[in-house]
Protein backbone atom coordinates (compact mmCIF):
# COMPACT_ATOMS: atom_id res chain seq x y z
CA PRO A 1 -69.39 -68.15 127.87
CA ARG A 2 -69.26 -65.57 130.14
CA PRO A 3 -68.40 -65.26 133.24
CA TRP A 4 -71.56 -65.31 136.61
CA TRP A 5 -71.28 -62.56 137.27
CA ASP A 6 -71.94 -60.64 134.21
CA PHE A 7 -75.44 -62.66 134.37
CA SER A 8 -75.54 -61.60 137.92
CA LYS A 9 -75.03 -57.83 136.65
CA GLU A 10 -77.05 -57.75 133.61
CA ARG A 11 -80.13 -59.69 136.23
CA LYS A 12 -79.45 -57.17 138.55
CA ALA A 13 -80.03 -54.44 136.31
CA THR A 14 -83.37 -55.84 134.83
CA LEU A 15 -84.86 -56.58 138.11
CA ALA A 16 -83.57 -52.60 138.95
CA LYS A 17 -85.75 -50.87 135.46
CA ASP A 18 -88.60 -53.59 136.13
CA ALA A 19 -89.29 -53.10 139.96
CA PRO A 20 -87.02 -50.05 140.82
CA LEU A 21 -88.66 -49.57 143.92
CA THR A 22 -88.70 -53.19 145.12
CA LEU A 23 -85.16 -53.23 146.29
CA TRP A 24 -84.43 -49.64 147.00
């Protein structure tokens, strides 16, 4: 199993692609 921060980075990358302006 991967550490939680791997999933966190993956999730953030997905969110950035799906809604690039939401968090910026």
